[in-house]
Amino acid sequence: MTDYATISLAEARREYLATCTTAMPIGGLFAWSALAVAAYLLGDRLPTFAPFLAAAAPVPIALLIDKLRGELHYWNEGRDNPIGQLFMRFITVIALIIPFAIIATRAAGELDLLILGLAILSGMIWVPHGWGADDPAGFIHFVLRAVLCYAAYLLVPEPVRGAAVAAAAALTYVYAIVAMKKPASVRA
């Protein structure tokens, strides 16, 4: 067990990255792509809960992928790492902001606004991940995601706007899959 009070920030970041998984952006790509297809096909009939599924589904999908890869043990390692703890606390911060998107959606009566809000808020998790892994790809992923989602919301016409926002979020996972530091690069 590592004594985090005695190691450097660089070493704690290396250990954080070593216990991360590449399955998360794959799960995100799958979940947000599925929402984009569903929003395109269903339009106004898209169930209100669907955007919540897209925002939450990357974690269980990643768990399944890592189980199939035999890498599920990484999810249990590094729980004492303060960088991992900060990452987990940030998930709570995002969860506490999500009601704002729900309230705005109810006030506007527009499901596309919920898709936009959840796409951007769930993308915020890449900021502490990137910092923790000492990888600029996390911050770039979030900025790219926000810009593309806002552009889709503002520029794409109403019938397919929600699908375009979800597709923009999905597209940013392609960047993450390619650009993010790979945990295997620091594993012993």
C-alpha atoms as a PDB file:
ATOM      1  CA  MET A   1       0.000   0.000   0.000  1.00  0.00           C
ATOM      2  CA  THR A   2       1.394   3.372  -1.016  1.00  0.00           C
ATOM      3  CA  ASP A   3       1.857   6.100   1.584  1.00  0.00           C
ATOM      4  CA  TYR A   4       0.591   9.117  -0.357  1.00  0.00           C
ATOM      5  CA  ALA A   5       1.874  11.496   2.302  1.00  0.00           C
ATOM      6  CA  THR A   6       5.434  10.642   1.309  1.00  0.00           C
ATOM      7  CA  ILE A   7       5.352  10.431  -2.492  1.00  0.00           C
ATOM      8  CA  SER A   8       5.535  13.220  -5.057  1.00  0.00           C
ATOM      9  CA  LEU A   9       2.598  14.587  -6.998  1.00  0.00           C
ATOM     10  CA  ALA A  10       4.161  13.192 -10.167  1.00  0.00           C
ATOM     11  CA  GLU A  11       4.244   9.690  -8.656  1.00  0.00           C
ATOM     12  CA  ALA A  12       0.635   9.968  -7.420  1.00  0.00           C
ATOM     13  CA  ARG A  13      -0.418  11.027 -10.929  1.00  0.00           C
ATOM     14  CA  ARG A  14       1.475   8.103 -12.451  1.00  0.00           C
ATOM     15  CA  GLU A  15      -0.276   5.706 -10.077  1.00  0.00           C
ATOM     16  CA  TYR A  16      -3.647   7.316 -10.873  1.00  0.00           C
ATOM     17  CA  LEU A  17      -3.094   6.834 -14.608  1.00  0.00           C
ATOM     18  CA  ALA A  18      -1.927   3.253 -14.060  1.00  0.00           C
ATOM     19  CA  THR A  19      -5.257   2.386 -12.419  1.00  0.00           C
ATOM     20  CA  CYS A  20      -7.397   4.083 -15.073  1.00  0.00           C
ATOM     21  CA  THR A  21      -9.114   2.302 -17.927  1.00  0.00           C
ATOM     22  CA  THR A  22      -9.357   2.927 -21.646  1.00  0.00           C
ATOM     23  CA  ALA A  23     -12.832   1.386 -21.564  1.00  0.00           C
ATOM     24  CA  MET A  24     -14.509   4.573 -20.322  1.00  0.00           C
ATOM     25  CA  PRO A  25     -14.261   6.549 -23.583  1.00  0.00           C
ATOM     26  CA  ILE A  26     -15.361   3.450 -25.501  1.00  0.00           C
ATOM     27  CA  GLY A  27     -18.409   3.224 -23.237  1.00  0.00           C
ATOM     28  CA  GLY A  28     -19.067   6.937 -23.742  1.00  0.00           C
ATOM     29  CA  LEU A  29     -18.817   6.628 -27.507  1.00  0.00           C
ATOM     30  CA  PHE A  30     -21.309   3.770 -27.470  1.00  0.00           C
ATOM     31  CA  ALA A  31     -23.774   5.448 -25.065  1.00  0.00           C
ATOM     32  CA  TRP A  32     -23.844   8.875 -26.730  1.00  0.00           C
ATOM     33  CA  SER A  33     -23.979   7.338 -30.227  1.00  0.00           C
ATOM     34  CA  ALA A  34     -26.971   5.273 -29.137  1.00  0.00           C
ATOM     35  CA  LEU A  35     -28.676   8.430 -27.859  1.00  0.00           C
ATOM     36  CA  ALA A  36     -27.940  10.236 -31.128  1.00  0.00           C
ATOM     37  CA  VAL A  37     -29.548   7.412 -33.129  1.00  0.00           C
ATOM     38  CA  ALA A  38     -32.529   7.186 -30.761  1.00  0.00           C
ATOM     39  CA  ALA A  39     -33.073  10.969 -30.801  1.00  0.00           C
ATOM     40  CA  TYR A  40     -32.881  11.000 -34.601  1.00  0.00           C
ATOM     41  CA  LEU A  41     -35.331   8.101 -35.007  1.00  0.00           C
ATOM     42  CA  LEU A  42     -37.761   9.055 -32.233  1.00  0.00           C
ATOM     43  CA  GLY A  43     -37.635  12.849 -32.396  1.00  0.00           C
ATOM     44  CA  ASP A  44     -40.203  14.294 -29.966  1.00  0.00           C
ATOM     45  CA  ARG A  45     -41.127  10.766 -28.848  1.00  0.00           C
ATOM     46  CA  LEU A  46     -37.698  10.269 -27.235  1.00  0.00           C
ATOM     47  CA  PRO A  47     -38.315   9.344 -23.586  1.00  0.00           C
ATOM     48  CA  THR A  48     -37.121  11.993 -21.143  1.00  0.00           C
ATOM     49  CA  PHE A  49     -35.021   9.411 -19.303  1.00  0.00           C
ATOM     50  CA  ALA A  50     -32.932   8.584 -22.412  1.00  0.00           C
ATOM     51  CA  PRO A  51     -30.392  11.437 -21.986  1.00  0.00           C
ATOM     52  CA  PHE A  52     -29.837  10.340 -18.386  1.00  0.00           C
ATOM     53  CA  LEU A  53     -29.043   6.838 -19.606  1.00  0.00           C
ATOM     54  CA  ALA A  54     -26.485   8.215 -22.068  1.00  0.00           C
ATOM     55  CA  ALA A  55     -24.823  10.247 -19.324  1.00  0.00           C
ATOM     56  CA  ALA A  56     -24.714   7.333 -16.858  1.00  0.00           C
ATOM     57  CA  ALA A  57     -24.172   4.340 -19.162  1.00  0.00           C
ATOM     58  CA  PRO A  58     -20.440   4.800 -19.903  1.00  0.00           C
ATOM     59  CA  VAL A  59     -19.501   3.489 -16.439  1.00  0.00           C
ATOM     60  CA  PRO A  60     -21.381   0.154 -16.578  1.00  0.00           C
ATOM     61  CA  ILE A  61     -20.366  -0.301 -20.214  1.00  0.00           C
ATOM     62  CA  ALA A  62     -16.727   0.305 -19.228  1.00  0.00           C
ATOM     63  CA  LEU A  63     -17.067  -2.190 -16.374  1.00  0.00           C
ATOM     64  CA  LEU A  64     -18.367  -4.806 -18.811  1.00  0.00           C
ATOM     65  CA  ILE A  65     -15.560  -4.089 -21.287  1.00  0.00           C
ATOM     66  CA  ASP A  66     -12.929  -4.347 -18.546  1.00  0.00           C
ATOM     67  CA  LYS A  67     -14.486  -7.550 -17.228  1.00  0.00           C
ATOM     68  CA  LEU A  68     -14.250  -9.054 -20.723  1.00  0.00           C
ATOM     69  CA  ARG A  69     -10.635  -7.837 -20.995  1.00  0.00           C
ATOM     70  CA  GLY A  70      -9.724  -9.255 -17.584  1.00  0.00           C
ATOM     71  CA  GLU A  71      -8.894  -5.748 -16.345  1.00  0.00           C
ATOM     72  CA  LEU A  72     -11.658  -5.290 -13.796  1.00  0.00           C
ATOM     73  CA  HIS A  73      -9.119  -5.312 -10.934  1.00  0.00           C
ATOM     74  CA  TYR A  74      -7.939  -1.817 -11.925  1.00  0.00           C
ATOM     75  CA  TRP A  75     -11.268  -0.420 -10.694  1.00  0.00           C
ATOM     76  CA  ASN A  76     -10.364  -1.495  -7.144  1.00  0.00           C
ATOM     77  CA  GLU A  77      -6.750  -0.336  -7.166  1.00  0.00           C
ATOM     78  CA  GLY A  78      -5.752   3.173  -6.193  1.00  0.00           C
ATOM     79  CA  ARG A  79      -8.750   3.926  -4.006  1.00  0.00           C
ATOM     80  CA  ASP A  80      -6.461   5.584  -1.473  1.00  0.00           C
ATOM     81  CA  ASN A  81      -4.855   7.819  -4.101  1.00  0.00           C
ATOM     82  CA  PRO A  82      -5.878  11.437  -3.343  1.00  0.00           C
ATOM     83  CA  ILE A  83      -6.043  12.165  -7.084  1.00  0.00           C
ATOM     84  CA  GLY A  84      -8.549   9.357  -7.557  1.00  0.00           C
ATOM     85  CA  GLN A  85     -10.496  10.649  -4.571  1.00  0.00           C
ATOM     86  CA  LEU A  86     -10.592  14.140  -6.095  1.00  0.00           C
ATOM     87  CA  PHE A  87     -11.869  12.621  -9.342  1.00  0.00           C
ATOM     88  CA  MET A  88     -14.660  10.819  -7.465  1.00  0.00           C
ATOM     89  CA  ARG A  89     -15.611  13.998  -5.586  1.00  0.00           C
ATOM     90  CA  PHE A  90     -15.888  15.821  -8.875  1.00  0.00           C
ATOM     91  CA  ILE A  91     -18.505  13.284  -9.972  1.00  0.00           C
ATOM     92  CA  THR A  92     -20.530  14.446  -6.970  1.00  0.00           C
ATOM     93  CA  VAL A  93     -20.061  18.086  -8.016  1.00  0.00           C
ATOM     94  CA  ILE A  94     -21.406  17.292 -11.479  1.00  0.00           C
ATOM     95  CA  ALA A  95     -24.338  15.364 -10.003  1.00  0.00           C
ATOM     96  CA  LEU A  96     -25.240  18.403  -7.908  1.00  0.00           C
ATOM     97  CA  ILE A  97     -25.269  20.647 -10.996  1.00  0.00           C
ATOM     98  CA  ILE A  98     -27.460  18.317 -13.098  1.00  0.00           C
ATOM     99  CA  PRO A  99     -30.700  19.488 -11.428  1.00  0.00           C
ATOM    100  CA  PHE A 100     -30.038  22.897 -12.999  1.00  0.00           C
ATOM    101  CA  ALA A 101     -30.285  21.280 -16.457  1.00  0.00           C
ATOM    102  CA  ILE A 102     -33.485  19.531 -15.391  1.00  0.00           C
ATOM    103  CA  ILE A 103     -35.028  22.776 -14.098  1.00  0.00           C
ATOM    104  CA  ALA A 104     -34.035  24.657 -17.274  1.00  0.00           C
ATOM    105  CA  THR A 105     -35.506  21.908 -19.430  1.00  0.00           C
ATOM    106  CA  ARG A 106     -38.793  21.945 -17.536  1.00  0.00           C
ATOM    107  CA  ALA A 107     -38.982  25.736 -17.727  1.00  0.00           C
ATOM    108  CA  ALA A 108     -38.259  25.780 -21.461  1.00  0.00           C
ATOM    109  CA  GLY A 109     -40.234  22.634 -22.250  1.00  0.00           C
ATOM    110  CA  GLU A 110     -37.466  21.531 -24.609  1.00  0.00           C
ATOM    111  CA  LEU A 111     -35.833  18.090 -24.351  1.00  0.00           C
ATOM    112  CA  ASP A 112     -32.911  19.209 -26.547  1.00  0.00           C
ATOM    113  CA  LEU A 113     -31.839  21.494 -23.695  1.00  0.00           C
ATOM    114  CA  LEU A 114     -31.599  18.480 -21.368  1.00  0.00           C
ATOM    115  CA  ILE A 115     -29.460  16.626 -23.903  1.00  0.00           C
ATOM    116  CA  LEU A 116     -27.205  19.688 -24.210  1.00  0.00           C
ATOM    117  CA  GLY A 117     -26.933  20.134 -20.444  1.00  0.00           C
ATOM    118  CA  LEU A 118     -26.143  16.495 -19.745  1.00  0.00           C
ATOM    119  CA  ALA A 119     -23.691  16.280 -22.644  1.00  0.00           C
ATOM    120  CA  ILE A 120     -21.691  19.217 -21.318  1.00  0.00           C
ATOM    121  CA  LEU A 121     -21.985  18.386 -17.624  1.00  0.00           C
ATOM    122  CA  SER A 122     -21.013  14.744 -18.070  1.00  0.00           C
ATOM    123  CA  GLY A 123     -18.079  15.894 -20.187  1.00  0.00           C
ATOM    124  CA  MET A 124     -16.754  17.964 -17.283  1.00  0.00           C
ATOM    125  CA  ILE A 125     -15.398  14.789 -15.692  1.00  0.00           C
ATOM    126  CA  TRP A 126     -12.611  14.799 -18.267  1.00  0.00           C
ATOM    127  CA  VAL A 127     -11.102  17.925 -16.674  1.00  0.00           C
ATOM    128  CA  PRO A 128     -10.081  16.324 -13.346  1.00  0.00           C
ATOM    129  CA  HIS A 129      -9.207  13.083 -15.129  1.00  0.00           C
ATOM    130  CA  GLY A 130      -6.830  14.898 -17.463  1.00  0.00           C
ATOM    131  CA  TRP A 131      -5.268  16.817 -14.604  1.00  0.00           C
ATOM    132  CA  GLY A 132      -4.943  13.671 -12.513  1.00  0.00           C
ATOM    133  CA  ALA A 133      -3.325  11.744 -15.363  1.00  0.00           C
ATOM    134  CA  ASP A 134      -1.128  14.730 -16.265  1.00  0.00           C
ATOM    135  CA  ASP A 135      -2.696  14.561 -19.715  1.00  0.00           C
ATOM    136  CA  PRO A 136      -3.927  17.666 -21.590  1.00  0.00           C
ATOM    137  CA  ALA A 137      -6.252  15.440 -23.635  1.00  0.00           C
ATOM    138  CA  GLY A 138      -8.793  15.504 -20.779  1.00  0.00           C
ATOM    139  CA  PHE A 139      -9.192  19.284 -20.833  1.00  0.00           C
ATOM    140  CA  ILE A 140      -9.091  19.399 -24.632  1.00  0.00           C
ATOM    141  CA  HIS A 141     -11.801  16.719 -24.742  1.00  0.00           C
ATOM    142  CA  PHE A 142     -14.058  18.823 -22.523  1.00  0.00           C
ATOM    143  CA  VAL A 143     -13.508  22.081 -24.432  1.00  0.00           C
ATOM    144  CA  LEU A 144     -14.024  20.322 -27.768  1.00  0.00           C
ATOM    145  CA  ARG A 145     -17.172  18.692 -26.419  1.00  0.00           C
ATOM    146  CA  ALA A 146     -18.630  21.935 -25.114  1.00  0.00           C
ATOM    147  CA  VAL A 147     -17.901  23.850 -28.341  1.00  0.00           C
ATOM    148  CA  LEU A 148     -19.294  21.103 -30.595  1.00  0.00           C
ATOM    149  CA  CYS A 149     -22.406  20.586 -28.447  1.00  0.00           C
ATOM    150  CA  TYR A 150     -23.159  24.316 -28.255  1.00  0.00           C
ATOM    151  CA  ALA A 151     -22.608  24.634 -32.018  1.00  0.00           C
ATOM    152  CA  ALA A 152     -24.949  21.706 -32.704  1.00  0.00           C
ATOM    153  CA  TYR A 153     -27.599  23.185 -30.410  1.00  0.00           C
ATOM    154  CA  LEU A 154     -27.362  26.641 -31.971  1.00  0.00           C
ATOM    155  CA  LEU A 155     -26.900  25.720 -35.635  1.00  0.00           C
ATOM    156  CA  VAL A 156     -28.819  22.492 -36.293  1.00  0.00           C
ATOM    157  CA  PRO A 157     -32.558  22.782 -37.004  1.00  0.00           C
ATOM    158  CA  GLU A 158     -35.126  21.687 -34.429  1.00  0.00           C
ATOM    159  CA  PRO A 159     -36.187  18.275 -35.699  1.00  0.00           C
ATOM    160  CA  VAL A 160     -32.679  16.806 -35.397  1.00  0.00           C
ATOM    161  CA  ARG A 161     -31.036  19.180 -32.917  1.00  0.00           C
ATOM    162  CA  GLY A 162     -31.028  16.753 -29.970  1.00  0.00           C
ATOM    163  CA  ALA A 163     -29.559  14.016 -32.156  1.00  0.00           C
ATOM    164  CA  ALA A 164     -26.856  16.412 -33.363  1.00  0.00           C
ATOM    165  CA  VAL A 165     -25.920  17.410 -29.808  1.00  0.00           C
ATOM    166  CA  ALA A 166     -25.649  13.748 -28.766  1.00  0.00           C
ATOM    167  CA  ALA A 167     -23.629  12.973 -31.908  1.00  0.00           C
ATOM    168  CA  ALA A 168     -21.270  15.849 -31.097  1.00  0.00           C
ATOM    169  CA  ALA A 169     -20.714  14.405 -27.611  1.00  0.00           C
ATOM    170  CA  ALA A 170     -20.101  10.958 -29.114  1.00  0.00           C
ATOM    171  CA  LEU A 171     -17.619  12.370 -31.601  1.00  0.00           C
ATOM    172  CA  THR A 172     -15.460  13.801 -28.817  1.00  0.00           C
ATOM    173  CA  TYR A 173     -14.920  10.289 -27.472  1.00  0.00           C
ATOM    174  CA  VAL A 174     -13.141   9.415 -30.708  1.00  0.00           C
ATOM    175  CA  TYR A 175     -10.658  12.162 -29.842  1.00  0.00           C
ATOM    176  CA  ALA A 176     -10.318  10.800 -26.286  1.00  0.00           C
ATOM    177  CA  ILE A 177      -9.740   7.237 -27.472  1.00  0.00           C
ATOM    178  CA  VAL A 178      -6.969   8.373 -29.812  1.00  0.00           C
ATOM    179  CA  ALA A 179      -5.345  11.169 -27.801  1.00  0.00           C
ATOM    180  CA  MET A 180      -5.516  10.229 -24.119  1.00  0.00           C
ATOM    181  CA  LYS A 181      -2.507   8.758 -22.375  1.00  0.00           C
ATOM    182  CA  LYS A 182      -2.835   5.009 -22.178  1.00  0.00           C
ATOM    183  CA  PRO A 183      -2.698   3.463 -18.688  1.00  0.00           C
ATOM    184  CA  ALA A 184      -0.513   0.649 -20.036  1.00  0.00           C
ATOM    185  CA  SER A 185       2.226   3.225 -20.703  1.00  0.00           C
ATOM    186  CA  VAL A 186       2.865   3.545 -16.956  1.00  0.00           C
ATOM    187  CA  ARG A 187       1.925   0.084 -15.692  1.00  0.00           C
ATOM    188  CA  ALA A 188       4.766  -2.096 -14.437  1.00  0.00           C
END
